[in-house]
């Protein structure tokens, strides 16, 4: 249902988020009224909003004429607003008081909450007309992050949702739609990014710097532990507990005992000077990531790269570029320098042997795939940023040496980690994709909105669903099934949508919206 953007917008709460939302509202041309019960807070919020607009103007990122920015001395002064955005502290009883009062002050206005964690349906219960209550979730810092979620509560009307969408679009944001539920759309689908990293650390698959470095090599600005330190480990733990409680114990969302331990120790991240890293003024908290090397050094030596997954084809291209003579099957005339097995072959495929082997650890751990054998394990995801390597006590030294030499010759860094299906990056990304597929299947949001939301709201290097298509959905499901087999946990069950697409060999892809119910 199309709607014109509101001409008058009210903002309740003049903190960082409230002042940022007020800035966007004014920049959209709306007369903007800012209320905060703390003395002087509204005036300070208006000042910050005006300064933010001028800063953008100086950088050439805003050249319009903003609407009036005014302090509302009392809640009643918001009566002219057609849209009122609440940006108060995350306490349900406080929001109930505000929405009950705002229903009386502006009975025809759409009332929107910027909450990131409280269900919109629970907030709307206090309003005189719950159909006029929606979620309008901005990302911090609001004036710079080009995304806003419009969340439909159980009773939100299409008219109210249309007003919220029109306001977001007038503010220049990419508007995505979500239905009400824990974390809405973006924060929900990002849950495994931190939780699976904590699980990896708990199992000692790799240490904190290694996990973060592997994730950064895939194009993320920060690793999961750096991000936890930035947000606040206590904040993240509180959100994790909320998710688990609201879902009535969903295994995928179980909080980590490591987070509880850090909170108990007072190691909360940057704000306390110590979290997963130590923060001293003027000193880097971690070493700089090394640059990738230059490809080369194959010397026309033979390498066999088998398998049907996209990772196999990318490795063949990279190997040829680095000077290797690439075969897909064992040559008859020469023993190859290395055999690289990228996933299971056909039932009739011959067993590759007679040379050192590197085995893709997707459908299982190396110990399960090469029980008692001498192979080295590896894992990487297209596009390859880093190659993770693993070994068992039986792994031959020559396999370790040749595998590391081969992957380094492709111009890619390597990292040694402990053994498990998918290793580090594969586990994190497979769980993120899986959560996205659950969200689509449950009608929480569209595939396009998920990909745009993760890129624009959380700075993902690429949309996780488009990335899953590039990786291959069968590769993703291999990792999930391998983890479920290894641990026997429902945490790793594949989403029904993923399972269906792989089972029916769907010619289309997960990030296409027609794949949704």
Protein backbone atom coordinates (compact mmCIF):
# COMPACT_ATOMS: atom_id res chain seq x y z
CA UNK A 1 0.00 0.00 0.00
CA UNK A 2 1.82 3.17 -1.15
CA UNK A 3 1.94 6.14 1.16
CA UNK A 4 3.37 9.65 1.18
CA UNK A 5 6.16 10.27 3.69
CA UNK A 6 5.02 12.04 6.85
CA UNK A 7 5.38 15.80 6.89
CA UNK A 8 5.80 15.93 10.68
CA UNK A 9 7.85 13.35 12.56
CA UNK A 10 8.21 13.06 16.32
CA UNK A 11 11.19 11.40 18.02
CA UNK A 12 11.05 10.28 21.65
CA UNK A 13 14.53 9.88 23.13
CA UNK A 14 17.42 12.14 22.19
CA UNK A 15 20.38 9.86 22.78
CA UNK A 16 22.74 8.64 20.07
CA UNK A 17 20.07 6.74 18.16
CA UNK A 18 17.30 9.27 18.75
CA UNK A 19 19.36 12.24 17.58
CA UNK A 20 20.52 10.25 14.54
CA UNK A 21 16.92 9.38 13.62
CA UNK A 22 15.92 13.02 14.10
CA UNK A 23 18.74 14.06 11.77
CA UNK A 24 17.48 11.67 9.08
CA UNK A 25 13.89 12.82 9.51
CA UNK A 26 14.87 16.47 9.13
CA UNK A 27 17.07 15.67 6.12
CA UNK A 28 14.03 14.03 4.50
CA UNK A 29 12.32 17.44 4.68
CA UNK A 30 9.99 16.65 7.55
CA UNK A 31 9.38 19.02 10.42
CA UNK A 32 10.96 17.08 13.27
CA UNK A 33 9.98 17.35 16.95
CA UNK A 34 12.35 15.87 19.54
CA UNK A 35 11.28 15.00 23.08
CA UNK A 36 13.34 13.67 25.97
CA UNK A 37 12.27 13.76 29.64
CA UNK A 38 15.84 14.43 30.81
CA UNK A 39 16.40 18.15 31.19
CA UNK A 40 18.51 19.57 28.35
CA UNK A 41 18.75 16.23 26.52
CA UNK A 42 16.37 17.18 23.71
CA UNK A 43 18.21 20.43 23.04
CA UNK A 44 21.53 18.56 22.95
CA UNK A 45 20.03 15.96 20.61
CA UNK A 46 18.82 18.68 18.25
CA UNK A 47 22.26 20.27 18.33
CA UNK A 48 23.92 16.95 17.44
CA UNK A 49 21.43 16.34 14.64
CA UNK A 50 22.07 19.77 13.09
CA UNK A 51 25.83 19.32 13.43
CA UNK A 52 25.58 15.91 11.77
CA UNK A 53 23.75 17.39 8.80
CA UNK A 54 26.34 20.14 8.40
CA UNK A 55 29.13 17.59 8.57
CA UNK A 56 27.53 15.61 5.76
CA UNK A 57 27.04 18.83 3.78
CA UNK A 58 30.74 19.69 4.17
CA UNK A 59 31.63 16.26 2.78
CA UNK A 60 29.29 16.71 -0.18
CA UNK A 61 26.95 13.94 1.01
CA UNK A 62 23.92 16.15 1.60
CA UNK A 63 22.86 19.16 -0.46
CA UNK A 64 19.18 19.50 0.39
CA UNK A 65 17.22 21.81 2.64
CA UNK A 66 16.38 20.05 5.91
CA UNK A 67 13.08 20.43 7.63
CA UNK A 68 12.78 22.27 10.92
CA UNK A 69 14.34 20.60 13.95
CA UNK A 70 12.52 21.60 17.13
CA UNK A 71 12.62 20.73 20.80
CA UNK A 72 9.32 19.40 22.15
CA UNK A 73 9.04 20.60 25.71
CA UNK A 74 6.42 18.01 26.63
CA UNK A 75 5.09 14.77 25.19
CA UNK A 76 1.89 16.64 24.28
CA UNK A 77 3.88 18.82 21.86
CA UNK A 78 4.20 15.77 19.57
CA UNK A 79 0.46 15.95 18.75
CA UNK A 80 0.98 17.25 15.17
CA UNK A 81 3.21 14.29 14.21
CA UNK A 82 2.00 11.74 11.68
CA UNK A 83 4.80 9.37 12.66
CA UNK A 84 6.40 9.13 16.11
CA UNK A 85 9.58 7.07 16.51
CA UNK A 86 10.42 5.86 20.01
CA UNK A 87 14.15 5.51 20.78
CA UNK A 88 13.98 5.05 24.54
CA UNK A 89 15.99 2.55 26.66
CA UNK A 90 15.24 -1.14 26.12
CA UNK A 91 12.77 -1.68 28.98
CA UNK A 92 9.36 -3.03 28.10
CA UNK A 93 7.57 -1.31 31.00
CA UNK A 94 8.98 2.07 29.92
CA UNK A 95 7.87 1.52 26.33
CA UNK A 96 4.41 0.53 27.54
CA UNK A 97 4.12 3.82 29.42
CA UNK A 98 5.23 5.80 26.36
CA UNK A 99 2.98 4.05 23.85
CA UNK A 100 -0.05 4.34 26.12
CA UNK A 101 0.61 8.08 26.52
CA UNK A 102 1.39 8.64 22.81
CA UNK A 103 -1.89 6.94 21.88
CA UNK A 104 -3.67 9.73 23.74
CA UNK A 105 -1.42 12.55 22.50
CA UNK A 106 -1.52 11.62 18.80
CA UNK A 107 -4.29 9.05 18.22
CA UNK A 108 -3.97 9.22 14.41
CA UNK A 109 -0.16 8.92 14.30
CA UNK A 110 1.75 5.79 13.40
CA UNK A 111 3.80 4.80 16.45
CA UNK A 112 7.14 3.14 15.66
CA UNK A 113 9.70 1.61 17.98
CA UNK A 114 13.41 1.52 17.19
CA UNK A 115 13.87 -1.46 19.52
CA UNK A 116 16.39 -4.06 18.43
CA UNK A 117 15.34 -6.80 20.84
CA UNK A 118 11.82 -6.38 22.26
CA UNK A 119 8.99 -7.91 20.18
CA UNK A 120 6.84 -5.26 18.50
CA UNK A 121 3.71 -7.22 19.38
CA UNK A 122 4.58 -6.97 23.07
CA UNK A 123 5.12 -3.20 22.81
CA UNK A 124 1.89 -2.67 20.82
CA UNK A 125 -0.21 -4.22 23.57
CA UNK A 126 -0.09 -0.94 25.53
CA UNK A 127 -1.29 1.22 22.62
CA UNK A 128 -4.94 2.21 22.29
CA UNK A 129 -4.85 0.96 18.69
CA UNK A 130 -2.18 -1.78 18.22
CA UNK A 131 -2.74 -1.71 14.46
CA UNK A 132 -0.95 1.66 14.34
CA UNK A 133 2.24 0.28 15.99
CA UNK A 134 5.19 -0.94 13.90
CA UNK A 135 8.91 -1.45 14.26
CA UNK A 136 11.32 0.95 12.57
CA UNK A 137 14.75 -0.40 13.40
CA UNK A 138 17.71 1.76 12.37
CA UNK A 139 21.32 0.61 12.56
CA UNK A 140 24.01 2.47 14.47
CA UNK A 141 25.12 5.11 13.52
CA UNK A 142 21.75 5.88 11.95
CA UNK A 143 22.88 8.81 9.73
CA UNK A 144 25.59 6.63 8.11
CA UNK A 145 24.09 3.15 7.92
CA UNK A 146 21.91 3.01 4.78
CA UNK A 147 19.42 0.48 6.12
CA UNK A 148 16.21 0.37 8.14
CA UNK A 149 13.99 -2.59 9.01
CA UNK A 150 10.22 -2.16 9.01
CA UNK A 151 8.78 -4.79 11.35
CA UNK A 152 5.19 -5.96 11.28
CA UNK A 153 3.77 -6.87 14.66
CA UNK A 154 0.92 -9.32 14.90
CA UNK A 155 -1.68 -6.54 14.56
CA UNK A 156 0.23 -3.93 12.52
CA UNK A 157 -1.92 -2.60 9.67
CA UNK A 158 -0.77 -2.29 6.09
CA UNK A 159 -1.48 1.43 6.30
CA UNK A 160 0.89 1.88 9.26
CA UNK A 161 3.59 -0.24 7.63
CA UNK A 162 3.28 1.81 4.42
CA UNK A 163 3.81 5.06 6.36
CA UNK A 164 6.92 3.63 8.01
CA UNK A 165 8.30 2.42 4.66
CA UNK A 166 7.66 5.80 3.04
CA UNK A 167 9.45 7.56 5.90
CA UNK A 168 12.46 5.26 5.58
CA UNK A 169 12.66 5.73 1.83
CA UNK A 170 12.38 9.53 2.19
CA UNK A 171 15.35 9.32 4.57
CA UNK A 172 17.36 7.65 1.80
CA UNK A 173 17.49 4.26 3.52
CA UNK A 174 17.15 0.83 1.92
CA UNK A 175 13.96 -0.39 3.55
CA UNK A 176 13.63 -4.11 4.26
CA UNK A 177 10.56 -5.84 5.66
CA UNK A 178 10.48 -8.28 8.56
CA UNK A 179 7.84 -10.01 10.63
CA UNK A 180 8.00 -9.86 14.40
CA UNK A 181 10.26 -12.31 16.22
CA UNK A 182 13.59 -12.54 18.06
CA UNK A 183 16.10 -10.19 16.42
CA UNK A 184 13.68 -9.46 13.55
CA UNK A 185 15.55 -10.21 10.30
CA UNK A 186 19.14 -8.92 10.20
CA UNK A 187 20.17 -9.52 13.80
CA UNK A 188 18.50 -12.92 13.76
CA UNK A 189 20.28 -14.16 10.65
CA UNK A 190 23.60 -12.89 12.01
CA UNK A 191 23.28 -14.89 15.29
CA UNK A 192 25.65 -17.72 14.24
CA UNK A 193 28.46 -15.30 13.32
CA UNK A 194 29.36 -14.88 16.98
CA UNK A 195 27.82 -17.99 18.52
CA UNK A 196 29.58 -20.46 16.22
CA UNK A 197 32.89 -18.64 16.72
CA UNK A 198 32.44 -19.09 20.48
CA UNK A 199 31.74 -22.78 19.95
CA UNK A 200 34.92 -23.12 17.88
CA UNK A 201 36.90 -21.49 20.66
CA UNK A 202 35.25 -23.66 23.30
CA UNK A 203 36.30 -26.76 21.36
CA UNK A 204 39.80 -25.33 20.88
CA UNK A 205 39.58 -25.68 17.14
CA UNK A 206 41.57 -22.44 16.94
CA UNK A 207 42.43 -19.52 19.19
CA UNK A 208 40.85 -16.06 19.11
CA UNK A 209 43.42 -14.32 16.82
CA UNK A 210 43.36 -17.22 14.35
CA UNK A 211 39.56 -17.36 14.11
CA UNK A 212 39.37 -13.60 13.61
CA UNK A 213 42.14 -13.61 11.00
CA UNK A 214 40.45 -16.38 9.01
CA UNK A 215 37.15 -14.47 9.00
CA UNK A 216 38.82 -11.18 7.99
CA UNK A 217 40.56 -12.97 5.12
CA UNK A 218 37.08 -13.77 3.78
CA UNK A 219 36.37 -10.05 3.43
CA UNK A 220 34.82 -9.15 6.80
CA UNK A 221 36.03 -5.92 8.36
CA UNK A 222 36.24 -7.51 11.80
CA UNK A 223 36.43 -11.00 13.15
CA UNK A 224 33.66 -12.17 15.50
CA UNK A 225 35.71 -11.63 18.67
CA UNK A 226 36.80 -8.11 17.69
CA UNK A 227 33.15 -7.35 17.03
CA UNK A 228 32.09 -8.72 20.42
CA UNK A 229 34.68 -6.50 22.11
CA UNK A 230 33.41 -3.47 20.19
CA UNK A 231 29.73 -4.06 20.99
CA UNK A 232 30.41 -5.17 24.56
CA UNK A 233 30.58 -8.81 25.62
CA UNK A 234 27.95 -8.17 28.30
CA UNK A 235 25.59 -6.66 25.70
CA UNK A 236 26.07 -9.62 23.38
CA UNK A 237 25.52 -12.10 26.21
CA UNK A 238 22.32 -10.36 27.26
CA UNK A 239 21.03 -10.48 23.68
CA UNK A 240 21.95 -14.18 23.43
CA UNK A 241 20.00 -14.92 26.60
CA UNK A 242 17.02 -12.99 25.24
CA UNK A 243 17.06 -14.94 21.97
CA UNK A 244 17.22 -18.26 23.79
CA UNK A 245 14.41 -17.29 26.15
CA UNK A 246 12.13 -15.90 23.43
CA UNK A 247 12.61 -19.04 21.32
CA UNK A 248 11.88 -21.35 24.27
CA UNK A 249 15.29 -22.96 24.04
CA UNK A 250 16.12 -23.15 20.31
CA UNK A 251 19.47 -25.07 20.23
CA UNK A 252 20.89 -22.87 17.46
CA UNK A 253 20.62 -19.86 19.77
CA UNK A 254 22.01 -21.34 22.99
CA UNK A 255 24.29 -18.78 24.73
CA UNK A 256 27.95 -19.67 25.24
CA UNK A 257 29.37 -20.36 28.70
CA UNK A 258 32.51 -18.56 27.55
CA UNK A 259 30.54 -15.31 27.31
CA UNK A 260 29.15 -15.85 30.81
CA UNK A 261 32.68 -16.40 32.10
CA UNK A 262 33.99 -13.20 30.49
CA UNK A 263 31.11 -11.17 31.93
CA UNK A 264 31.73 -12.67 35.38
CA UNK A 265 35.37 -11.63 35.13
CA UNK A 266 34.45 -8.06 34.11
CA UNK A 267 36.22 -8.45 30.77
CA UNK A 268 33.58 -6.71 28.70
CA UNK A 269 35.62 -5.52 25.72
CA UNK A 270 36.86 -2.12 24.64
CA UNK A 271 34.88 -0.23 27.27
CA UNK A 272 36.77 -1.96 30.09
CA UNK A 273 40.11 -2.09 28.28
CA UNK A 274 40.09 -5.86 28.15
CA UNK A 275 37.89 -8.46 26.53
CA UNK A 276 39.03 -11.09 24.06
CA UNK A 277 41.85 -8.63 23.36
CA UNK A 278 43.69 -6.09 25.51
CA UNK A 279 43.28 -2.44 24.59
CA UNK A 280 46.02 0.01 25.48
CA UNK A 281 45.91 3.58 24.22
CA UNK A 282 47.98 3.97 21.08
CA UNK A 283 48.82 0.27 20.80
CA UNK A 284 47.19 -2.11 18.31
CA UNK A 285 45.19 -4.89 19.93
CA UNK A 286 46.29 -7.38 17.27
CA UNK A 287 49.00 -7.72 14.63
CA UNK A 288 48.38 -6.51 11.10
CA UNK A 289 47.18 -9.18 8.69
CA UNK A 290 49.90 -10.14 6.19
CA UNK A 291 49.36 -9.56 2.50
CA UNK A 292 48.61 -12.48 0.21
CA UNK A 293 51.55 -13.75 -1.81
CA UNK A 294 51.94 -13.71 -5.56
CA UNK A 295 50.74 -16.81 -7.42
CA UNK A 296 53.41 -18.91 -9.08
CA UNK A 297 55.86 -21.74 -8.55
CA UNK A 298 53.87 -24.61 -9.98
CA UNK A 299 56.69 -25.36 -12.39
CA UNK A 300 54.39 -27.44 -14.59
CA UNK A 301 54.24 -30.10 -11.87
CA UNK A 302 51.18 -32.35 -11.88
CA UNK A 303 48.31 -31.87 -9.45
CA UNK A 304 45.05 -33.78 -9.49
CA UNK A 305 42.01 -31.76 -8.35
CA UNK A 306 38.91 -33.93 -8.24
CA UNK A 307 35.32 -33.17 -7.33
CA UNK A 308 32.21 -31.41 -8.61
CA UNK A 309 31.85 -28.61 -6.05
CA UNK A 310 32.51 -24.99 -7.11
CA UNK A 311 35.60 -24.95 -4.88
CA UNK A 312 37.15 -27.62 -7.13
CA UNK A 313 36.71 -25.51 -10.25
CA UNK A 314 38.14 -22.41 -8.57
CA UNK A 315 41.17 -24.37 -7.40
CA UNK A 316 41.73 -25.69 -10.94
CA UNK A 317 41.70 -22.17 -12.35
CA UNK A 318 44.02 -20.83 -9.65
CA UNK A 319 46.39 -23.78 -9.99
CA UNK A 320 46.67 -23.39 -13.75
CA UNK A 321 47.36 -19.68 -13.29
CA UNK A 322 50.12 -20.54 -10.79
CA UNK A 323 51.84 -22.83 -13.30
CA UNK A 324 50.58 -26.26 -12.24
CA UNK A 325 49.62 -28.93 -14.76
CA UNK A 326 46.08 -29.73 -13.63
CA UNK A 327 44.25 -33.04 -14.04
CA UNK A 328 40.79 -33.99 -12.83
CA UNK A 329 41.61 -37.70 -12.79
CA UNK A 330 44.76 -39.68 -12.05
CA UNK A 331 47.15 -39.55 -15.02
CA UNK A 332 48.51 -42.84 -16.34
CA UNK A 333 51.97 -41.63 -17.18
CA UNK A 334 53.19 -39.76 -14.09
CA UNK A 335 52.75 -39.68 -10.32
CA UNK A 336 51.23 -36.31 -9.35
CA UNK A 337 52.86 -34.02 -6.82
CA UNK A 338 49.57 -33.82 -4.86
CA UNK A 339 46.01 -35.12 -5.04
CA UNK A 340 43.39 -32.57 -3.93
CA UNK A 341 40.00 -34.18 -3.28
CA UNK A 342 37.12 -31.68 -3.26
CA UNK A 343 34.16 -33.58 -1.96
CA UNK A 344 32.72 -37.02 -2.65
CA UNK A 345 32.88 -38.40 -6.15
CA UNK A 346 30.38 -40.59 -7.96
CA UNK A 347 29.88 -44.14 -6.71
CA UNK A 348 31.77 -45.43 -9.74
CA UNK A 349 34.69 -43.01 -9.33
CA UNK A 350 38.02 -44.76 -8.78
CA UNK A 351 39.80 -44.25 -5.46
CA UNK A 352 42.57 -41.71 -5.88
CA UNK A 353 45.83 -42.93 -4.40
CA UNK A 354 49.52 -43.20 -5.14
CA UNK A 355 50.49 -39.66 -4.10
CA UNK A 356 50.12 -37.37 -1.03
CA UNK A 357 46.47 -36.36 -0.59
CA UNK A 358 44.66 -33.25 0.63
CA UNK A 359 41.01 -33.97 1.48
CA UNK A 360 38.24 -31.36 1.69
CA UNK A 361 36.77 -31.68 5.19
CA UNK A 362 33.17 -30.68 4.46
CA UNK A 363 31.00 -33.79 4.90
CA UNK A 364 33.02 -34.87 7.92
CA UNK A 365 36.17 -34.33 9.93
CA UNK A 366 39.45 -35.57 8.48
CA UNK A 367 39.57 -38.32 11.11
CA UNK A 368 36.23 -39.63 9.79
CA UNK A 369 36.90 -39.17 6.08
CA UNK A 370 40.42 -40.62 6.09
CA UNK A 371 40.32 -42.91 9.12
CA UNK A 372 43.87 -43.94 9.92
CA UNK A 373 45.09 -42.55 6.61
CA UNK A 374 48.00 -40.22 5.86
CA UNK A 375 46.05 -37.41 4.18
CA UNK A 376 46.03 -33.77 5.24
CA UNK A 377 42.68 -32.00 5.54
CA UNK A 378 41.79 -28.60 4.09
CA UNK A 379 38.79 -26.34 3.72
CA UNK A 380 38.08 -23.09 1.88
CA UNK A 381 35.06 -21.32 0.47
CA UNK A 382 34.76 -19.58 -2.91
CA UNK A 383 36.00 -16.95 -3.47
CA UNK A 384 39.07 -18.26 -1.68
CA UNK A 385 40.60 -15.77 0.74
CA UNK A 386 42.46 -18.21 2.96
CA UNK A 387 42.90 -21.99 3.06
CA UNK A 388 42.56 -23.74 6.40
CA UNK A 389 44.58 -26.91 6.96
CA UNK A 390 44.20 -29.67 9.54
CA UNK A 391 45.83 -32.98 10.38
CA UNK A 392 45.47 -36.13 12.47
CA UNK A 393 48.24 -38.08 14.22
CA UNK A 394 48.39 -40.29 11.12
CA UNK A 395 48.86 -37.43 8.63
CA UNK A 396 52.10 -37.82 6.69
CA UNK A 397 54.61 -35.01 6.91
CA UNK A 398 55.00 -35.02 3.13
CA UNK A 399 51.26 -34.43 2.74
CA UNK A 400 51.39 -31.49 5.15
CA UNK A 401 54.38 -29.96 3.39
CA UNK A 402 53.10 -30.38 -0.15
CA UNK A 403 49.59 -29.16 0.67
CA UNK A 404 50.90 -26.00 2.31
CA UNK A 405 53.28 -25.43 -0.61
CA UNK A 406 50.48 -25.94 -3.16
CA UNK A 407 47.94 -23.58 -1.55
CA UNK A 408 50.58 -20.93 -0.89
CA UNK A 409 51.62 -21.10 -4.56
CA UNK A 410 48.08 -20.01 -5.47
CA UNK A 411 48.75 -16.67 -3.76
CA UNK A 412 46.62 -17.60 -0.75
CA UNK A 413 47.48 -17.64 2.93
CA UNK A 414 47.11 -20.80 4.98
CA UNK A 415 46.20 -21.37 8.63
CA UNK A 416 46.49 -24.58 10.66
CA UNK A 417 43.49 -25.42 12.85
CA UNK A 418 42.14 -28.49 14.63
CA UNK A 419 39.94 -31.08 12.94
CA UNK A 420 36.15 -30.72 12.43
CA UNK A 421 33.68 -30.60 9.51
CA UNK A 422 33.99 -27.24 7.75
CA UNK A 423 36.86 -26.12 10.00
CA UNK A 424 36.46 -22.42 10.98
CA UNK A 425 35.03 -20.32 8.15
CA UNK A 426 32.98 -23.17 6.72
CA UNK A 427 31.23 -23.76 10.03
CA UNK A 428 30.44 -20.09 10.61
CA UNK A 429 29.19 -19.43 7.08
CA UNK A 430 27.19 -22.67 6.86
CA UNK A 431 25.38 -21.80 10.09
CA UNK A 432 24.70 -18.22 8.91
CA UNK A 433 23.27 -19.54 5.62
CA UNK A 434 21.24 -22.10 7.54
CA UNK A 435 19.75 -19.40 9.79
CA UNK A 436 18.87 -17.36 6.70
CA UNK A 437 17.12 -20.38 5.19
CA UNK A 438 15.15 -20.94 8.41
CA UNK A 439 14.10 -17.25 8.36
CA UNK A 440 12.91 -17.47 4.75
CA UNK A 441 11.05 -20.70 5.38
CA UNK A 442 9.30 -19.18 8.40
CA UNK A 443 8.27 -16.10 6.41
CA UNK A 444 10.32 -13.69 8.50
CA UNK A 445 11.73 -11.92 5.45
CA UNK A 446 12.69 -12.27 1.81
CA UNK A 447 15.98 -13.55 0.46
CA UNK A 448 16.72 -10.22 -1.24
CA UNK A 449 16.05 -8.32 1.97
CA UNK A 450 18.30 -10.68 3.93
CA UNK A 451 21.23 -10.23 1.55
CA UNK A 452 20.82 -6.45 1.36
CA UNK A 453 20.32 -6.24 5.11
CA UNK A 454 23.46 -8.19 5.95
CA UNK A 455 25.57 -6.14 3.54
CA UNK A 456 24.19 -2.71 4.38
CA UNK A 457 23.43 -3.19 8.06
CA UNK A 458 26.34 -5.40 9.14
CA UNK A 459 28.95 -4.81 6.40
CA UNK A 460 29.05 -8.40 5.18
CA UNK A 461 31.40 -8.68 2.18
CA UNK A 462 28.56 -10.27 0.21
CA UNK A 463 25.01 -11.37 0.82
CA UNK A 464 25.10 -14.76 2.58
CA UNK A 465 22.48 -16.30 0.30
CA UNK A 466 24.18 -15.19 -2.90
CA UNK A 467 27.40 -16.44 -1.33
CA UNK A 468 25.74 -19.79 -0.60
CA UNK A 469 24.81 -20.11 -4.26
CA UNK A 470 28.45 -19.47 -5.23
CA UNK A 471 29.68 -21.99 -2.66
CA UNK A 472 27.08 -24.56 -3.71
CA UNK A 473 24.11 -25.46 -1.54
CA UNK A 474 25.22 -29.10 -1.48
CA UNK A 475 28.56 -27.96 -0.01
CA UNK A 476 26.72 -26.03 2.72
CA UNK A 477 24.48 -29.00 3.55
CA UNK A 478 27.51 -31.33 3.60
CA UNK A 479 29.03 -29.23 6.38
CA UNK A 480 25.79 -29.09 8.37
CA UNK A 481 25.22 -32.83 8.04
CA UNK A 482 28.84 -33.53 8.95
CA UNK A 483 28.51 -31.42 12.09
CA UNK A 484 25.20 -33.01 13.06
CA UNK A 485 26.72 -36.47 12.59
CA UNK A 486 29.82 -35.53 14.57
CA UNK A 487 28.05 -33.88 17.51
CA UNK A 488 24.57 -35.42 17.42
CA UNK A 489 23.05 -31.98 18.08
CA UNK A 490 19.90 -30.37 16.69
CA UNK A 491 21.91 -27.15 16.62
CA UNK A 492 23.26 -28.28 13.24
CA UNK A 493 20.07 -29.56 11.59
CA UNK A 494 19.69 -28.21 8.05
CA UNK A 495 16.73 -25.91 7.38
CA UNK A 496 13.92 -27.64 5.45
CA UNK A 497 14.28 -25.12 2.59
CA UNK A 498 17.97 -25.97 2.18
CA UNK A 499 17.22 -29.66 2.28
CA UNK A 500 14.49 -29.36 -0.36
CA UNK A 501 16.60 -27.32 -2.77
CA UNK A 502 19.45 -29.82 -2.62
CA UNK A 503 17.20 -32.89 -2.77
CA UNK A 504 15.30 -31.68 -5.83
CA UNK A 505 18.41 -30.34 -7.60
CA UNK A 506 16.69 -26.96 -7.95
CA UNK A 507 18.07 -25.12 -10.98
CA UNK A 508 17.43 -21.81 -9.28
CA UNK A 509 19.18 -20.48 -6.22
CA UNK A 510 18.56 -19.72 -2.59
CA UNK A 511 18.90 -15.95 -3.01
CA UNK A 512 16.08 -15.85 -5.59
CA UNK A 513 12.83 -14.79 -3.95
CA UNK A 514 10.78 -17.41 -5.79
CA UNK A 515 12.44 -20.02 -3.54
CA UNK A 516 10.43 -18.69 -0.63
CA UNK A 517 7.10 -20.25 0.42
